[in-house]
């Protein structure tokens, strides 16, 4: 179990007895994985219609963010030719 990738990815080492910094790193890792949001959501009952709407919204947001990231990367690439040479 200790060599499992998800376990190793969430392992935080405490250095020099600095527990607060390690706790902050662990919270950041769990927030990126969405564990904190899942726990917060499961605290109360979520109606099936609200869950469908939330999942649809999250899917639309993922598509929108990936498309915008693709567009930004396209515009910010360094090998881009100047559209108006000599201006």
C-alpha atoms as a PDB file:
ATOM      1  CA  UNK A   1       0.000   0.000   0.000  1.00  0.00           C
ATOM      2  CA  UNK A   2       2.822   2.404   0.835  1.00  0.00           C
ATOM      3  CA  UNK A   3       4.184   2.147  -2.725  1.00  0.00           C
ATOM      4  CA  UNK A   4       0.812   2.870  -4.326  1.00  0.00           C
ATOM      5  CA  UNK A   5       0.971   5.981  -6.503  1.00  0.00           C
ATOM      6  CA  UNK A   6      -1.987   7.782  -4.893  1.00  0.00           C
ATOM      7  CA  UNK A   7      -0.568   7.158  -1.424  1.00  0.00           C
ATOM      8  CA  UNK A   8       2.872   8.418  -2.401  1.00  0.00           C
ATOM      9  CA  UNK A   9       1.333  11.449  -4.119  1.00  0.00           C
ATOM     10  CA  UNK A  10      -0.432  12.450  -0.900  1.00  0.00           C
ATOM     11  CA  UNK A  11       2.466  11.801   1.456  1.00  0.00           C
ATOM     12  CA  UNK A  12       3.802  14.909   3.166  1.00  0.00           C
ATOM     13  CA  UNK A  13       7.057  14.872   5.078  1.00  0.00           C
ATOM     14  CA  UNK A  14       7.429  17.058   8.188  1.00  0.00           C
ATOM     15  CA  UNK A  15      10.792  18.803   8.113  1.00  0.00           C
ATOM     16  CA  UNK A  16      12.461  20.230  11.221  1.00  0.00           C
ATOM     17  CA  UNK A  17       9.275  19.738  13.259  1.00  0.00           C
ATOM     18  CA  UNK A  18       7.383  22.300  11.156  1.00  0.00           C
ATOM     19  CA  UNK A  19       3.931  20.692  11.319  1.00  0.00           C
ATOM     20  CA  UNK A  20       2.053  23.833  10.238  1.00  0.00           C
ATOM     21  CA  UNK A  21       3.844  24.000   6.882  1.00  0.00           C
ATOM     22  CA  UNK A  22       3.283  20.281   6.275  1.00  0.00           C
ATOM     23  CA  UNK A  23      -0.402  20.703   7.162  1.00  0.00           C
ATOM     24  CA  UNK A  24      -0.693  23.529   4.634  1.00  0.00           C
ATOM     25  CA  UNK A  25       0.951  21.410   1.941  1.00  0.00           C
ATOM     26  CA  UNK A  26      -1.392  18.506   2.714  1.00  0.00           C
ATOM     27  CA  UNK A  27      -4.444  20.781   2.552  1.00  0.00           C
ATOM     28  CA  UNK A  28      -3.291  22.107  -0.813  1.00  0.00           C
ATOM     29  CA  UNK A  29      -2.803  18.566  -2.168  1.00  0.00           C
ATOM     30  CA  UNK A  30      -6.234  17.455  -0.952  1.00  0.00           C
ATOM     31  CA  UNK A  31      -7.878  20.586  -2.366  1.00  0.00           C
ATOM     32  CA  UNK A  32      -6.338  19.928  -5.789  1.00  0.00           C
ATOM     33  CA  UNK A  33      -7.624  16.346  -5.676  1.00  0.00           C
ATOM     34  CA  UNK A  34     -11.091  17.564  -4.711  1.00  0.00           C
ATOM     35  CA  UNK A  35     -11.231  15.564  -1.486  1.00  0.00           C
ATOM     36  CA  UNK A  36     -12.235  18.543   0.658  1.00  0.00           C
ATOM     37  CA  UNK A  37     -15.087  19.445  -1.709  1.00  0.00           C
ATOM     38  CA  UNK A  38     -16.338  15.851  -1.749  1.00  0.00           C
ATOM     39  CA  UNK A  39     -16.370  15.726   2.044  1.00  0.00           C
ATOM     40  CA  UNK A  40     -18.151  19.077   2.222  1.00  0.00           C
ATOM     41  CA  UNK A  41     -20.742  17.918  -0.324  1.00  0.00           C
ATOM     42  CA  UNK A  42     -21.382  14.613   1.447  1.00  0.00           C
ATOM     43  CA  UNK A  43     -22.097  16.362   4.741  1.00  0.00           C
ATOM     44  CA  UNK A  44     -25.687  17.051   3.631  1.00  0.00           C
ATOM     45  CA  UNK A  45     -28.067  15.221   1.334  1.00  0.00           C
ATOM     46  CA  UNK A  46     -27.980  16.391  -2.266  1.00  0.00           C
ATOM     47  CA  UNK A  47     -31.093  15.874  -4.310  1.00  0.00           C
ATOM     48  CA  UNK A  48     -30.532  13.891  -7.526  1.00  0.00           C
ATOM     49  CA  UNK A  49     -31.659  16.787  -9.710  1.00  0.00           C
ATOM     50  CA  UNK A  50     -29.202  19.148  -7.982  1.00  0.00           C
ATOM     51  CA  UNK A  51     -26.436  16.552  -8.336  1.00  0.00           C
ATOM     52  CA  UNK A  52     -27.128  16.272 -12.091  1.00  0.00           C
ATOM     53  CA  UNK A  53     -27.068  20.041 -12.471  1.00  0.00           C
ATOM     54  CA  UNK A  54     -23.804  20.270 -10.489  1.00  0.00           C
ATOM     55  CA  UNK A  55     -22.130  17.519 -12.516  1.00  0.00           C
ATOM     56  CA  UNK A  56     -23.290  19.122 -15.789  1.00  0.00           C
ATOM     57  CA  UNK A  57     -21.966  22.508 -14.645  1.00  0.00           C
ATOM     58  CA  UNK A  58     -18.622  20.995 -13.649  1.00  0.00           C
ATOM     59  CA  UNK A  59     -18.342  19.220 -17.006  1.00  0.00           C
ATOM     60  CA  UNK A  60     -19.125  22.460 -18.895  1.00  0.00           C
ATOM     61  CA  UNK A  61     -16.596  24.317 -16.782  1.00  0.00           C
ATOM     62  CA  UNK A  62     -13.898  21.709 -17.490  1.00  0.00           C
ATOM     63  CA  UNK A  63     -14.566  21.966 -21.239  1.00  0.00           C
ATOM     64  CA  UNK A  64     -14.563  25.778 -21.151  1.00  0.00           C
ATOM     65  CA  UNK A  65     -11.347  25.969 -19.104  1.00  0.00           C
ATOM     66  CA  UNK A  66      -9.526  23.479 -21.313  1.00  0.00           C
ATOM     67  CA  UNK A  67     -10.632  25.313 -24.464  1.00  0.00           C
ATOM     68  CA  UNK A  68      -9.540  28.682 -23.067  1.00  0.00           C
ATOM     69  CA  UNK A  69      -6.195  27.207 -21.999  1.00  0.00           C
ATOM     70  CA  UNK A  70      -5.728  25.841 -25.517  1.00  0.00           C
ATOM     71  CA  UNK A  71      -6.518  29.247 -27.038  1.00  0.00           C
ATOM     72  CA  UNK A  72      -4.213  31.092 -24.660  1.00  0.00           C
ATOM     73  CA  UNK A  73      -1.399  28.643 -25.354  1.00  0.00           C
ATOM     74  CA  UNK A  74      -1.968  29.133 -29.085  1.00  0.00           C
ATOM     75  CA  UNK A  75      -1.767  32.922 -28.805  1.00  0.00           C
ATOM     76  CA  UNK A  76       1.163  32.911 -26.378  1.00  0.00           C
ATOM     77  CA  UNK A  77       3.402  30.553 -28.328  1.00  0.00           C
ATOM     78  CA  UNK A  78       6.841  31.895 -29.044  1.00  0.00           C
ATOM     79  CA  UNK A  79       7.144  30.691 -32.663  1.00  0.00           C
ATOM     80  CA  UNK A  80       4.187  32.821 -33.771  1.00  0.00           C
ATOM     81  CA  UNK A  81       4.685  34.886 -36.910  1.00  0.00           C
ATOM     82  CA  UNK A  82       4.010  38.584 -36.801  1.00  0.00           C
ATOM     83  CA  UNK A  83       0.602  39.145 -38.491  1.00  0.00           C
ATOM     84  CA  UNK A  84       1.570  42.659 -39.630  1.00  0.00           C
ATOM     85  CA  UNK A  85       5.272  42.712 -40.533  1.00  0.00           C
ATOM     86  CA  UNK A  86       6.837  46.147 -40.765  1.00  0.00           C
ATOM     87  CA  UNK A  87       4.254  47.946 -38.621  1.00  0.00           C
END
